[in-house]
N, C-alpha and C. Protein backbone atom coordinates (compact mmCIF):
# COMPACT_ATOMS: atom_id res chain seq x y z
N UNK A 1 0.86 -1.20 -0.01
CA UNK A 1 0.00 0.01 -0.01
C UNK A 1 0.88 1.25 -0.01
N UNK A 2 0.71 2.08 -1.00
CA UNK A 2 1.49 3.31 -1.04
C UNK A 2 0.77 4.42 -0.30
N UNK A 3 1.55 5.30 0.30
CA UNK A 3 0.96 6.41 1.03
C UNK A 3 1.09 7.69 0.20
N UNK A 4 0.00 8.06 -0.43
CA UNK A 4 -0.02 9.28 -1.22
C UNK A 4 -0.34 10.45 -0.33
N UNK A 5 0.39 11.50 -0.47
CA UNK A 5 0.11 12.74 0.29
C UNK A 5 -0.80 13.58 -0.60
N UNK A 6 -1.95 13.96 -0.05
CA UNK A 6 -2.91 14.80 -0.77
C UNK A 6 -3.13 16.08 0.05
N UNK A 7 -3.13 17.17 -0.68
CA UNK A 7 -3.29 18.48 -0.02
C UNK A 7 -4.38 19.29 -0.74
N UNK A 8 -4.89 20.26 -0.02
CA UNK A 8 -5.96 21.11 -0.56
C UNK A 8 -5.34 22.17 -1.49
N UNK A 9 -6.19 22.74 -2.38
CA UNK A 9 -5.71 23.81 -3.26
C UNK A 9 -5.11 25.01 -2.50
N UNK A 10 -5.66 25.36 -1.35
CA UNK A 10 -5.17 26.51 -0.61
C UNK A 10 -3.77 26.22 -0.08
N UNK A 11 -3.53 25.02 0.47
CA UNK A 11 -2.20 24.68 0.96
C UNK A 11 -1.24 24.55 -0.21
N UNK A 12 -1.72 23.98 -1.35
CA UNK A 12 -0.85 23.87 -2.52
C UNK A 12 -0.40 25.23 -2.99
N UNK A 13 -1.30 26.19 -2.98
CA UNK A 13 -0.92 27.55 -3.43
C UNK A 13 0.17 28.14 -2.55
N UNK A 14 0.11 27.91 -1.25
CA UNK A 14 1.16 28.42 -0.37
C UNK A 14 2.45 27.66 -0.58
N UNK A 15 2.35 26.37 -0.77
CA UNK A 15 3.51 25.50 -0.92
C UNK A 15 4.28 25.83 -2.20
N UNK A 16 3.56 26.14 -3.28
CA UNK A 16 4.19 26.36 -4.58
C UNK A 16 4.28 27.82 -4.95
N UNK A 17 3.81 28.73 -4.12
CA UNK A 17 3.99 30.18 -4.40
C UNK A 17 3.14 30.70 -5.52
N UNK A 18 2.02 30.06 -5.84
CA UNK A 18 1.11 30.50 -6.89
C UNK A 18 -0.23 30.79 -6.20
N UNK A 19 -1.10 31.41 -6.93
CA UNK A 19 -2.43 31.72 -6.36
C UNK A 19 -3.30 30.46 -6.32
N UNK A 20 -4.26 30.46 -5.40
CA UNK A 20 -5.19 29.33 -5.35
C UNK A 20 -5.99 29.25 -6.65
N UNK A 21 -6.22 30.37 -7.24
CA UNK A 21 -6.93 30.41 -8.53
C UNK A 21 -6.15 29.64 -9.61
N UNK A 22 -4.84 29.78 -9.60
CA UNK A 22 -4.00 29.08 -10.55
C UNK A 22 -4.12 27.56 -10.37
N UNK A 23 -4.16 27.14 -9.14
CA UNK A 23 -4.32 25.67 -8.86
C UNK A 23 -5.69 25.21 -9.33
N UNK A 24 -6.74 25.98 -9.00
CA UNK A 24 -8.08 25.60 -9.43
C UNK A 24 -8.25 25.63 -10.95
N UNK A 25 -7.60 26.59 -11.60
CA UNK A 25 -7.61 26.64 -13.06
C UNK A 25 -6.95 25.42 -13.66
N UNK A 26 -5.87 24.96 -13.08
CA UNK A 26 -5.17 23.77 -13.57
C UNK A 26 -6.07 22.53 -13.37
N UNK A 27 -6.85 22.49 -12.30
CA UNK A 27 -7.80 21.41 -12.11
C UNK A 27 -8.87 21.47 -13.17
N UNK A 28 -9.39 22.64 -13.40
CA UNK A 28 -10.46 22.85 -14.40
C UNK A 28 -9.97 22.45 -15.82
N UNK A 29 -8.70 22.78 -16.12
CA UNK A 29 -8.16 22.42 -17.42
C UNK A 29 -7.68 20.98 -17.52
N UNK A 30 -7.87 20.24 -16.40
CA UNK A 30 -7.47 18.83 -16.28
C UNK A 30 -5.96 18.65 -16.39
N UNK A 31 -5.19 19.68 -15.98
CA UNK A 31 -3.74 19.55 -15.85
C UNK A 31 -3.43 18.85 -14.53
N UNK A 32 -4.30 18.94 -13.56
CA UNK A 32 -4.16 18.30 -12.28
C UNK A 32 -5.42 17.47 -12.01
N UNK A 33 -5.22 16.26 -11.54
CA UNK A 33 -6.41 15.45 -11.14
C UNK A 33 -6.64 15.60 -9.65
N UNK A 34 -7.92 15.54 -9.29
CA UNK A 34 -8.28 15.73 -7.90
C UNK A 34 -9.12 14.56 -7.38
N UNK A 35 -9.17 14.45 -6.10
CA UNK A 35 -10.06 13.53 -5.44
C UNK A 35 -10.97 14.41 -4.59
N UNK A 36 -12.25 14.19 -4.62
CA UNK A 36 -13.17 14.96 -3.80
C UNK A 36 -13.45 14.13 -2.53
N UNK A 37 -13.08 14.71 -1.38
CA UNK A 37 -13.26 14.03 -0.08
C UNK A 37 -14.06 14.96 0.78
N UNK A 38 -15.25 14.56 1.16
CA UNK A 38 -16.18 15.33 1.99
C UNK A 38 -16.42 16.71 1.34
N UNK A 39 -16.59 16.74 0.03
CA UNK A 39 -16.88 17.97 -0.68
C UNK A 39 -15.72 18.90 -0.90
N UNK A 40 -14.53 18.44 -0.62
CA UNK A 40 -13.33 19.28 -0.78
C UNK A 40 -12.35 18.62 -1.73
N UNK A 41 -11.70 19.45 -2.53
CA UNK A 41 -10.65 18.94 -3.43
C UNK A 41 -9.42 18.52 -2.66
N UNK A 42 -8.84 17.41 -3.04
CA UNK A 42 -7.56 16.96 -2.54
C UNK A 42 -6.71 16.60 -3.76
N UNK A 43 -5.48 17.14 -3.82
CA UNK A 43 -4.62 16.98 -4.96
C UNK A 43 -3.37 16.21 -4.50
N UNK A 44 -2.99 15.22 -5.31
CA UNK A 44 -1.81 14.42 -5.01
C UNK A 44 -0.55 15.30 -5.11
N UNK A 45 0.29 15.24 -4.08
CA UNK A 45 1.50 16.05 -4.02
C UNK A 45 2.45 15.75 -5.19
N UNK A 46 2.58 14.50 -5.56
CA UNK A 46 3.44 14.13 -6.69
C UNK A 46 2.98 14.76 -7.98
N UNK A 47 1.67 14.83 -8.20
CA UNK A 47 1.13 15.47 -9.40
C UNK A 47 1.43 16.98 -9.38
N UNK A 48 1.31 17.57 -8.20
CA UNK A 48 1.62 19.01 -8.05
C UNK A 48 3.08 19.32 -8.39
N UNK A 49 3.96 18.46 -7.91
CA UNK A 49 5.40 18.67 -8.20
C UNK A 49 5.68 18.57 -9.67
N UNK A 50 5.11 17.59 -10.31
CA UNK A 50 5.27 17.44 -11.78
C UNK A 50 4.70 18.65 -12.48
N UNK A 51 3.50 19.09 -12.12
CA UNK A 51 2.85 20.22 -12.74
C UNK A 51 3.69 21.49 -12.56
N UNK A 52 4.22 21.68 -11.36
CA UNK A 52 4.98 22.93 -11.10
C UNK A 52 6.27 22.98 -11.86
N UNK A 53 6.84 21.82 -12.22
CA UNK A 53 8.12 21.82 -12.92
C UNK A 53 7.97 21.86 -14.45
N UNK A 54 6.75 21.83 -14.96
CA UNK A 54 6.53 21.89 -16.41
C UNK A 54 6.84 23.20 -17.00
N UNK A 55 6.68 24.30 -16.21
CA UNK A 55 6.96 25.64 -16.72
C UNK A 55 8.02 26.29 -15.86
N UNK A 56 8.99 26.91 -16.47
CA UNK A 56 10.05 27.57 -15.70
C UNK A 56 9.52 28.67 -14.77
N UNK A 57 8.49 29.36 -15.21
CA UNK A 57 7.93 30.42 -14.34
C UNK A 57 7.33 29.86 -13.05
N UNK A 58 6.70 28.71 -13.14
CA UNK A 58 6.11 28.08 -11.93
C UNK A 58 7.23 27.59 -11.04
N UNK A 59 8.29 27.04 -11.62
CA UNK A 59 9.42 26.56 -10.84
C UNK A 59 10.10 27.71 -10.11
N UNK A 60 10.21 28.85 -10.79
CA UNK A 60 10.82 30.04 -10.17
C UNK A 60 9.96 30.57 -9.04
N UNK A 61 8.65 30.55 -9.22
CA UNK A 61 7.74 31.02 -8.11
C UNK A 61 7.86 30.10 -6.89
N UNK A 62 7.97 28.79 -7.17
CA UNK A 62 8.11 27.84 -6.07
C UNK A 62 9.42 28.11 -5.31
N UNK A 63 10.47 28.39 -6.09
CA UNK A 63 11.78 28.61 -5.45
C UNK A 63 11.84 29.94 -4.70
N UNK A 64 11.15 30.95 -5.18
CA UNK A 64 11.25 32.30 -4.58
C UNK A 64 10.14 32.60 -3.61
N UNK A 65 8.92 32.15 -3.84
CA UNK A 65 7.82 32.49 -3.00
C UNK A 65 7.22 31.34 -2.25
N UNK A 66 7.48 30.10 -2.70
CA UNK A 66 6.94 28.92 -2.06
C UNK A 66 7.94 28.25 -1.13
N UNK A 67 7.88 26.99 -1.06
CA UNK A 67 8.72 26.19 -0.16
C UNK A 67 10.21 26.29 -0.48
N UNK A 68 10.51 26.60 -1.72
CA UNK A 68 11.91 26.71 -2.17
C UNK A 68 12.72 27.77 -1.46
N UNK A 69 12.05 28.78 -0.94
CA UNK A 69 12.80 29.81 -0.25
C UNK A 69 13.44 29.32 1.07
N UNK A 70 12.97 28.16 1.53
CA UNK A 70 13.54 27.58 2.78
C UNK A 70 14.52 26.47 2.50
N UNK A 71 14.72 26.16 1.19
CA UNK A 71 15.63 25.05 0.83
C UNK A 71 16.88 25.61 0.24
N UNK A 72 18.03 25.21 0.79
CA UNK A 72 19.30 25.72 0.27
C UNK A 72 19.65 25.08 -1.07
N UNK A 73 19.50 23.78 -1.18
CA UNK A 73 19.77 23.08 -2.44
C UNK A 73 18.87 21.88 -2.56
N UNK A 74 18.19 21.74 -3.73
CA UNK A 74 17.30 20.62 -3.96
C UNK A 74 18.14 19.37 -4.30
N UNK A 75 17.69 18.23 -3.81
CA UNK A 75 18.38 16.98 -4.12
C UNK A 75 17.46 16.04 -4.90
N UNK A 76 16.82 16.64 -5.93
CA UNK A 76 15.95 15.79 -6.78
C UNK A 76 16.40 15.91 -8.22
């Protein structure tokens, strides 16, 4: 059994340094798949990482405004 980490769009927006609207737009465009749990969207963290790395501008936002500002060097 694999343990998938799923987070809400609001947490994802903070984590990746983009607006919550950008996350929801990606869901609407089917760039991100979601699971609805108790009426709330949950997005797989692995899918979010792949999505954020597809565009250099998203990667830069993650590094400057999101979680990347607290990481000295990525090991991925």
